[in-house]
């Protein structure tokens, strides 16, 4: 196993360098340790979150076997790099096709009540730093053969960039709370919960963007879930 590499952030924290997607970081004393999902190949190889029968009923378009691979034979790192380029352009279908997936369903909600839609320390931060907007999106994607994942993208706007940066520092710590993802039940996928194990955040101007992913049917490799979060966080305001 390769030796874990670390880097020191501007605020003095020491964090592991995570090159294949990641998770919220866990704080223990003065050290910060990342919980990273295993797996490195796109596609099959994870555990399902809901019953296959229920998911098949909710996602009937995921059994057509009609998904084209836009990057045949390419590594996950290449897929992620190309997916990030597509996401930055707002091309969702192209982004998902980089991983041999297609969008099956989508839900969106645009509101301003950040306190109602956040928990724990994240909520405490938002109580002290007023948000100006909350845009949440949810996507179900699948490979056309019954394997599917759900992707949450939440964007929280603030009056100042420093507010967004402060919120991200709280959000990225496991156990600190969350900006609540839209419930997967909106897509007919009851019982799906986001674990924070496949998570990515960034600051975009005066906004904090958070992406999370989970398997909802069949098997999706943890590495692919990480990569989907890593590219989806780059979608512009949807």
C-alpha atoms as a PDB file:
ATOM      1  CA  UNK A   1       0.000   0.000   0.000  1.00  0.00           C
ATOM      2  CA  UNK A   2       1.355   3.450  -0.923  1.00  0.00           C
ATOM      3  CA  UNK A   3       2.446   5.663   1.958  1.00  0.00           C
ATOM      4  CA  UNK A   4      -0.137   8.343   2.871  1.00  0.00           C
ATOM      5  CA  UNK A   5       1.019  11.862   2.014  1.00  0.00           C
ATOM      6  CA  UNK A   6       0.013  14.919   4.052  1.00  0.00           C
ATOM      7  CA  UNK A   7       0.018  18.672   3.581  1.00  0.00           C
ATOM      8  CA  UNK A   8      -0.289  21.655   5.933  1.00  0.00           C
ATOM      9  CA  UNK A   9      -3.131  24.110   5.343  1.00  0.00           C
ATOM     10  CA  UNK A  10      -2.825  27.883   5.831  1.00  0.00           C
ATOM     11  CA  UNK A  11      -4.584  27.628   9.200  1.00  0.00           C
ATOM     12  CA  UNK A  12      -1.990  25.130  10.459  1.00  0.00           C
ATOM     13  CA  UNK A  13      -4.087  21.966  10.107  1.00  0.00           C
ATOM     14  CA  UNK A  14      -2.379  18.865   8.750  1.00  0.00           C
ATOM     15  CA  UNK A  15      -4.550  16.905   6.318  1.00  0.00           C
ATOM     16  CA  UNK A  16      -4.000  13.878   4.080  1.00  0.00           C
ATOM     17  CA  UNK A  17      -3.683  14.417   0.339  1.00  0.00           C
ATOM     18  CA  UNK A  18      -6.657  12.638  -1.195  1.00  0.00           C
ATOM     19  CA  UNK A  19      -6.208  11.978  -4.901  1.00  0.00           C
ATOM     20  CA  UNK A  20      -9.240   9.826  -5.639  1.00  0.00           C
ATOM     21  CA  UNK A  21     -12.247  11.679  -4.289  1.00  0.00           C
ATOM     22  CA  UNK A  22     -12.963  11.628  -0.609  1.00  0.00           C
ATOM     23  CA  UNK A  23     -15.065  12.215   2.423  1.00  0.00           C
ATOM     24  CA  UNK A  24     -15.628  14.726   5.136  1.00  0.00           C
ATOM     25  CA  UNK A  25     -12.595  14.842   7.378  1.00  0.00           C
ATOM     26  CA  UNK A  26     -12.597  13.508  10.938  1.00  0.00           C
ATOM     27  CA  UNK A  27     -10.996  15.644  13.649  1.00  0.00           C
ATOM     28  CA  UNK A  28      -9.188  13.902  16.526  1.00  0.00           C
ATOM     29  CA  UNK A  29      -7.139  16.168  18.779  1.00  0.00           C
ATOM     30  CA  UNK A  30      -5.009  18.337  16.501  1.00  0.00           C
ATOM     31  CA  UNK A  31      -4.846  15.838  13.644  1.00  0.00           C
ATOM     32  CA  UNK A  32      -7.279  15.601  10.746  1.00  0.00           C
ATOM     33  CA  UNK A  33      -7.786  12.172   9.211  1.00  0.00           C
ATOM     34  CA  UNK A  34      -9.784  11.530   6.019  1.00  0.00           C
ATOM     35  CA  UNK A  35     -12.036   8.529   5.545  1.00  0.00           C
ATOM     36  CA  UNK A  36     -11.602   7.627   1.905  1.00  0.00           C
ATOM     37  CA  UNK A  37     -13.846   5.264  -0.021  1.00  0.00           C
ATOM     38  CA  UNK A  38     -11.984   2.337  -1.560  1.00  0.00           C
ATOM     39  CA  UNK A  39     -11.933   1.296  -5.172  1.00  0.00           C
ATOM     40  CA  UNK A  40     -10.388   2.953  -8.179  1.00  0.00           C
ATOM     41  CA  UNK A  41     -12.283   1.780 -11.239  1.00  0.00           C
ATOM     42  CA  UNK A  42     -15.372   3.324 -12.732  1.00  0.00           C
ATOM     43  CA  UNK A  43     -18.538   1.274 -12.666  1.00  0.00           C
ATOM     44  CA  UNK A  44     -19.362  -1.858 -10.722  1.00  0.00           C
ATOM     45  CA  UNK A  45     -18.314  -2.724  -7.200  1.00  0.00           C
ATOM     46  CA  UNK A  46     -20.119  -1.178  -4.200  1.00  0.00           C
ATOM     47  CA  UNK A  47     -23.063  -1.936  -1.977  1.00  0.00           C
ATOM     48  CA  UNK A  48     -26.651  -0.997  -2.687  1.00  0.00           C
ATOM     49  CA  UNK A  49     -28.614   1.342  -0.417  1.00  0.00           C
ATOM     50  CA  UNK A  50     -32.174   0.384  -1.362  1.00  0.00           C
ATOM     51  CA  UNK A  51     -33.836  -2.773  -2.537  1.00  0.00           C
ATOM     52  CA  UNK A  52     -33.184  -3.521  -6.183  1.00  0.00           C
ATOM     53  CA  UNK A  53     -36.861  -4.107  -6.842  1.00  0.00           C
ATOM     54  CA  UNK A  54     -37.903  -0.737  -5.427  1.00  0.00           C
ATOM     55  CA  UNK A  55     -35.129   1.061  -7.281  1.00  0.00           C
ATOM     56  CA  UNK A  56     -35.968  -0.681 -10.546  1.00  0.00           C
ATOM     57  CA  UNK A  57     -39.559   0.453 -10.168  1.00  0.00           C
ATOM     58  CA  UNK A  58     -38.490   4.025  -9.361  1.00  0.00           C
ATOM     59  CA  UNK A  59     -35.879   4.108 -12.152  1.00  0.00           C
ATOM     60  CA  UNK A  60     -37.401   2.126 -15.030  1.00  0.00           C
ATOM     61  CA  UNK A  61     -35.131   3.871 -17.554  1.00  0.00           C
ATOM     62  CA  UNK A  62     -32.116   2.213 -15.957  1.00  0.00           C
ATOM     63  CA  UNK A  63     -32.758  -1.162 -17.537  1.00  0.00           C
ATOM     64  CA  UNK A  64     -32.581  -0.156 -21.197  1.00  0.00           C
ATOM     65  CA  UNK A  65     -28.898  -0.984 -21.676  1.00  0.00           C
ATOM     66  CA  UNK A  66     -28.570   2.134 -23.819  1.00  0.00           C
ATOM     67  CA  UNK A  67     -25.776   4.039 -22.055  1.00  0.00           C
ATOM     68  CA  UNK A  68     -22.792   4.899 -24.227  1.00  0.00           C
ATOM     69  CA  UNK A  69     -19.281   5.175 -22.807  1.00  0.00           C
ATOM     70  CA  UNK A  70     -17.865   8.517 -23.978  1.00  0.00           C
ATOM     71  CA  UNK A  71     -14.359   7.576 -22.780  1.00  0.00           C
ATOM     72  CA  UNK A  72     -13.948   3.862 -23.548  1.00  0.00           C
ATOM     73  CA  UNK A  73     -10.914   2.241 -22.006  1.00  0.00           C
ATOM     74  CA  UNK A  74      -9.931   5.338 -20.021  1.00  0.00           C
ATOM     75  CA  UNK A  75      -8.847   5.324 -16.381  1.00  0.00           C
ATOM     76  CA  UNK A  76     -10.939   6.774 -13.585  1.00  0.00           C
ATOM     77  CA  UNK A  77      -8.504   9.674 -13.224  1.00  0.00           C
ATOM     78  CA  UNK A  78      -8.962  10.567 -16.900  1.00  0.00           C
ATOM     79  CA  UNK A  79     -12.734  10.241 -16.582  1.00  0.00           C
ATOM     80  CA  UNK A  80     -12.682  12.532 -13.563  1.00  0.00           C
ATOM     81  CA  UNK A  81     -10.518  15.145 -15.289  1.00  0.00           C
ATOM     82  CA  UNK A  82     -12.751  15.185 -18.380  1.00  0.00           C
ATOM     83  CA  UNK A  83     -15.889  15.095 -16.235  1.00  0.00           C
ATOM     84  CA  UNK A  84     -14.711  18.156 -14.340  1.00  0.00           C
ATOM     85  CA  UNK A  85     -14.264  20.067 -17.611  1.00  0.00           C
ATOM     86  CA  UNK A  86     -17.797  19.132 -18.694  1.00  0.00           C
ATOM     87  CA  UNK A  87     -19.266  20.029 -15.294  1.00  0.00           C
ATOM     88  CA  UNK A  88     -17.662  23.477 -15.354  1.00  0.00           C
ATOM     89  CA  UNK A  89     -19.464  24.081 -18.647  1.00  0.00           C
ATOM     90  CA  UNK A  90     -22.758  22.990 -17.088  1.00  0.00           C
ATOM     91  CA  UNK A  91     -23.094  20.001 -19.421  1.00  0.00           C
ATOM     92  CA  UNK A  92     -24.700  17.462 -17.107  1.00  0.00           C
ATOM     93  CA  UNK A  93     -25.363  14.727 -19.656  1.00  0.00           C
ATOM     94  CA  UNK A  94     -21.806  14.932 -20.936  1.00  0.00           C
ATOM     95  CA  UNK A  95     -20.444  14.911 -17.385  1.00  0.00           C
ATOM     96  CA  UNK A  96     -22.257  11.721 -16.460  1.00  0.00           C
ATOM     97  CA  UNK A  97     -21.382  10.059 -19.763  1.00  0.00           C
ATOM     98  CA  UNK A  98     -17.717  10.406 -18.800  1.00  0.00           C
ATOM     99  CA  UNK A  99     -18.454   7.668 -16.240  1.00  0.00           C
ATOM    100  CA  UNK A 100     -20.643   5.586 -18.580  1.00  0.00           C
ATOM    101  CA  UNK A 101     -23.766   6.812 -16.810  1.00  0.00           C
ATOM    102  CA  UNK A 102     -26.885   8.694 -17.824  1.00  0.00           C
ATOM    103  CA  UNK A 103     -29.213  10.985 -15.891  1.00  0.00           C
ATOM    104  CA  UNK A 104     -32.431   9.201 -14.969  1.00  0.00           C
ATOM    105  CA  UNK A 105     -34.236  11.747 -12.788  1.00  0.00           C
ATOM    106  CA  UNK A 106     -33.711  15.202 -11.317  1.00  0.00           C
ATOM    107  CA  UNK A 107     -35.266  17.318  -8.567  1.00  0.00           C
ATOM    108  CA  UNK A 108     -34.491  20.909  -7.554  1.00  0.00           C
ATOM    109  CA  UNK A 109     -35.477  23.341  -4.829  1.00  0.00           C
ATOM    110  CA  UNK A 110     -34.574  27.028  -4.554  1.00  0.00           C
ATOM    111  CA  UNK A 111     -35.210  28.760  -1.220  1.00  0.00           C
ATOM    112  CA  UNK A 112     -33.643  30.964   1.433  1.00  0.00           C
ATOM    113  CA  UNK A 113     -34.311  29.236   4.777  1.00  0.00           C
ATOM    114  CA  UNK A 114     -30.852  27.859   5.501  1.00  0.00           C
ATOM    115  CA  UNK A 115     -31.490  27.291   9.222  1.00  0.00           C
ATOM    116  CA  UNK A 116     -34.436  24.999   8.569  1.00  0.00           C
ATOM    117  CA  UNK A 117     -32.345  23.025   6.084  1.00  0.00           C
ATOM    118  CA  UNK A 118     -29.142  22.551   8.092  1.00  0.00           C
ATOM    119  CA  UNK A 119     -28.066  20.712  11.230  1.00  0.00           C
ATOM    120  CA  UNK A 120     -25.760  20.940  14.255  1.00  0.00           C
ATOM    121  CA  UNK A 121     -22.622  23.133  13.991  1.00  0.00           C
ATOM    122  CA  UNK A 122     -23.361  24.023  10.373  1.00  0.00           C
ATOM    123  CA  UNK A 123     -26.724  25.362  11.526  1.00  0.00           C
ATOM    124  CA  UNK A 124     -25.037  27.269  14.365  1.00  0.00           C
ATOM    125  CA  UNK A 125     -22.692  28.888  11.846  1.00  0.00           C
ATOM    126  CA  UNK A 126     -25.592  29.854   9.595  1.00  0.00           C
ATOM    127  CA  UNK A 127     -27.396  31.363  12.569  1.00  0.00           C
ATOM    128  CA  UNK A 128     -24.458  33.781  12.964  1.00  0.00           C
ATOM    129  CA  UNK A 129     -23.701  34.304   9.264  1.00  0.00           C
ATOM    130  CA  UNK A 130     -26.823  35.026   7.248  1.00  0.00           C
ATOM    131  CA  UNK A 131     -27.172  33.159   3.985  1.00  0.00           C
ATOM    132  CA  UNK A 132     -28.691  34.863   0.954  1.00  0.00           C
ATOM    133  CA  UNK A 133     -29.822  31.804  -1.004  1.00  0.00           C
ATOM    134  CA  UNK A 134     -30.038  28.027  -0.926  1.00  0.00           C
ATOM    135  CA  UNK A 135     -30.194  26.004  -4.137  1.00  0.00           C
ATOM    136  CA  UNK A 136     -30.365  22.221  -3.867  1.00  0.00           C
ATOM    137  CA  UNK A 137     -30.357  19.701  -6.703  1.00  0.00           C
ATOM    138  CA  UNK A 138     -30.676  15.938  -6.747  1.00  0.00           C
ATOM    139  CA  UNK A 139     -29.792  13.623  -9.634  1.00  0.00           C
ATOM    140  CA  UNK A 140     -30.299   9.903 -10.105  1.00  0.00           C
ATOM    141  CA  UNK A 141     -27.834   8.405 -12.581  1.00  0.00           C
ATOM    142  CA  UNK A 142     -27.459   4.847 -13.838  1.00  0.00           C
ATOM    143  CA  UNK A 143     -25.540   2.609 -16.218  1.00  0.00           C
ATOM    144  CA  UNK A 144     -28.586   1.171 -18.027  1.00  0.00           C
ATOM    145  CA  UNK A 145     -28.075  -2.215 -16.383  1.00  0.00           C
ATOM    146  CA  UNK A 146     -29.680  -1.611 -12.985  1.00  0.00           C
ATOM    147  CA  UNK A 147     -26.732  -0.003 -11.180  1.00  0.00           C
ATOM    148  CA  UNK A 148     -27.511   3.521  -9.991  1.00  0.00           C
ATOM    149  CA  UNK A 149     -26.352   6.338  -7.738  1.00  0.00           C
ATOM    150  CA  UNK A 150     -27.893   9.525  -6.402  1.00  0.00           C
ATOM    151  CA  UNK A 151     -26.003  12.836  -6.405  1.00  0.00           C
ATOM    152  CA  UNK A 152     -26.823  15.827  -4.190  1.00  0.00           C
ATOM    153  CA  UNK A 153     -25.503  19.300  -5.016  1.00  0.00           C
ATOM    154  CA  UNK A 154     -26.240  22.128  -2.568  1.00  0.00           C
ATOM    155  CA  UNK A 155     -25.187  25.750  -3.098  1.00  0.00           C
ATOM    156  CA  UNK A 156     -25.393  28.241  -0.218  1.00  0.00           C
ATOM    157  CA  UNK A 157     -24.977  31.935  -1.011  1.00  0.00           C
ATOM    158  CA  UNK A 158     -23.563  34.496   1.439  1.00  0.00           C
ATOM    159  CA  UNK A 159     -23.040  38.265   1.496  1.00  0.00           C
ATOM    160  CA  UNK A 160     -19.243  37.803   1.615  1.00  0.00           C
ATOM    161  CA  UNK A 161     -16.736  35.263   0.321  1.00  0.00           C
ATOM    162  CA  UNK A 162     -15.245  34.979   3.817  1.00  0.00           C
ATOM    163  CA  UNK A 163     -18.631  33.767   5.099  1.00  0.00           C
ATOM    164  CA  UNK A 164     -18.663  31.009   2.483  1.00  0.00           C
ATOM    165  CA  UNK A 165     -15.091  30.025   3.362  1.00  0.00           C
ATOM    166  CA  UNK A 166     -15.945  29.852   7.056  1.00  0.00           C
ATOM    167  CA  UNK A 167     -18.995  27.701   6.394  1.00  0.00           C
ATOM    168  CA  UNK A 168     -16.973  25.272   4.288  1.00  0.00           C
ATOM    169  CA  UNK A 169     -14.461  24.804   7.128  1.00  0.00           C
ATOM    170  CA  UNK A 170     -17.324  23.731   9.399  1.00  0.00           C
ATOM    171  CA  UNK A 171     -19.152  21.676   6.774  1.00  0.00           C
ATOM    172  CA  UNK A 172     -16.139  19.569   5.767  1.00  0.00           C
ATOM    173  CA  UNK A 173     -15.671  18.115   9.274  1.00  0.00           C
ATOM    174  CA  UNK A 174     -17.472  14.797   9.831  1.00  0.00           C
ATOM    175  CA  UNK A 175     -20.022  15.065  12.634  1.00  0.00           C
ATOM    176  CA  UNK A 176     -20.310  18.859  12.392  1.00  0.00           C
ATOM    177  CA  UNK A 177     -23.697  18.741  10.708  1.00  0.00           C
ATOM    178  CA  UNK A 178     -24.700  19.409   7.146  1.00  0.00           C
ATOM    179  CA  UNK A 179     -26.657  21.454   4.682  1.00  0.00           C
ATOM    180  CA  UNK A 180     -29.412  18.892   4.263  1.00  0.00           C
ATOM    181  CA  UNK A 181     -29.483  17.241   0.818  1.00  0.00           C
ATOM    182  CA  UNK A 182     -32.866  17.008  -0.827  1.00  0.00           C
ATOM    183  CA  UNK A 183     -34.563  13.787   0.217  1.00  0.00           C
ATOM    184  CA  UNK A 184     -34.154  11.011  -2.326  1.00  0.00           C
ATOM    185  CA  UNK A 185     -37.847  10.280  -1.824  1.00  0.00           C
ATOM    186  CA  UNK A 186     -38.441  13.170  -4.263  1.00  0.00           C
ATOM    187  CA  UNK A 187     -37.109  10.794  -6.913  1.00  0.00           C
ATOM    188  CA  UNK A 188     -39.143   7.850  -5.614  1.00  0.00           C
ATOM    189  CA  UNK A 189     -36.119   6.440  -3.775  1.00  0.00           C
ATOM    190  CA  UNK A 190     -37.262   6.081  -0.174  1.00  0.00           C
ATOM    191  CA  UNK A 191     -34.782   5.050   2.500  1.00  0.00           C
ATOM    192  CA  UNK A 192     -31.649   6.542   0.942  1.00  0.00           C
ATOM    193  CA  UNK A 193     -29.465   8.542   3.331  1.00  0.00           C
ATOM    194  CA  UNK A 194     -26.240  10.375   2.574  1.00  0.00           C
ATOM    195  CA  UNK A 195     -23.382   9.126   4.749  1.00  0.00           C
ATOM    196  CA  UNK A 196     -20.826  11.854   3.993  1.00  0.00           C
ATOM    197  CA  UNK A 197     -18.348   9.172   2.884  1.00  0.00           C
ATOM    198  CA  UNK A 198     -18.437  10.388  -0.732  1.00  0.00           C
ATOM    199  CA  UNK A 199     -18.272  14.144  -0.320  1.00  0.00           C
ATOM    200  CA  UNK A 200     -16.681  17.210  -1.915  1.00  0.00           C
ATOM    201  CA  UNK A 201     -16.983  20.917  -1.150  1.00  0.00           C
ATOM    202  CA  UNK A 202     -15.597  24.133  -2.590  1.00  0.00           C
ATOM    203  CA  UNK A 203     -16.052  27.889  -2.401  1.00  0.00           C
ATOM    204  CA  UNK A 204     -17.353  29.545  -5.569  1.00  0.00           C
ATOM    205  CA  UNK A 205     -17.211  33.307  -5.157  1.00  0.00           C
ATOM    206  CA  UNK A 206     -19.620  34.126  -2.322  1.00  0.00           C
ATOM    207  CA  UNK A 207     -21.136  30.645  -2.304  1.00  0.00           C
ATOM    208  CA  UNK A 208     -20.266  27.314  -0.719  1.00  0.00           C
ATOM    209  CA  UNK A 209     -21.008  24.280  -2.877  1.00  0.00           C
ATOM    210  CA  UNK A 210     -21.338  20.760  -1.465  1.00  0.00           C
ATOM    211  CA  UNK A 211     -21.730  17.523  -3.452  1.00  0.00           C
ATOM    212  CA  UNK A 212     -22.500  14.101  -1.942  1.00  0.00           C
ATOM    213  CA  UNK A 213     -23.179  10.737  -3.581  1.00  0.00           C
ATOM    214  CA  UNK A 214     -24.535   7.330  -2.589  1.00  0.00           C
ATOM    215  CA  UNK A 215     -25.396   4.062  -4.306  1.00  0.00           C
ATOM    216  CA  UNK A 216     -29.144   3.504  -4.644  1.00  0.00           C
ATOM    217  CA  UNK A 217     -29.298   0.275  -6.660  1.00  0.00           C
ATOM    218  CA  UNK A 218     -27.006  -2.522  -7.718  1.00  0.00           C
ATOM    219  CA  UNK A 219     -23.315  -1.808  -7.326  1.00  0.00           C
ATOM    220  CA  UNK A 220     -21.376   1.419  -7.937  1.00  0.00           C
ATOM    221  CA  UNK A 221     -17.687   1.445  -7.002  1.00  0.00           C
ATOM    222  CA  UNK A 222     -16.737   3.689  -4.076  1.00  0.00           C
ATOM    223  CA  UNK A 223     -14.067   5.279  -6.275  1.00  0.00           C
ATOM    224  CA  UNK A 224     -16.715   6.189  -8.821  1.00  0.00           C
ATOM    225  CA  UNK A 225     -18.934   7.682  -6.109  1.00  0.00           C
ATOM    226  CA  UNK A 226     -15.993   9.791  -4.948  1.00  0.00           C
ATOM    227  CA  UNK A 227     -15.289  10.922  -8.513  1.00  0.00           C
ATOM    228  CA  UNK A 228     -18.943  11.827  -9.118  1.00  0.00           C
ATOM    229  CA  UNK A 229     -18.907  14.062  -6.037  1.00  0.00           C
ATOM    230  CA  UNK A 230     -15.581  15.550  -7.135  1.00  0.00           C
ATOM    231  CA  UNK A 231     -16.903  16.606 -10.543  1.00  0.00           C
ATOM    232  CA  UNK A 232     -20.498  17.468  -9.586  1.00  0.00           C
ATOM    233  CA  UNK A 233     -19.326  20.121  -7.132  1.00  0.00           C
ATOM    234  CA  UNK A 234     -18.094  22.068 -10.188  1.00  0.00           C
ATOM    235  CA  UNK A 235     -21.528  22.452 -11.779  1.00  0.00           C
ATOM    236  CA  UNK A 236     -22.364  26.159 -12.064  1.00  0.00           C
ATOM    237  CA  UNK A 237     -25.513  27.420 -10.398  1.00  0.00           C
ATOM    238  CA  UNK A 238     -28.242  25.072 -11.651  1.00  0.00           C
END
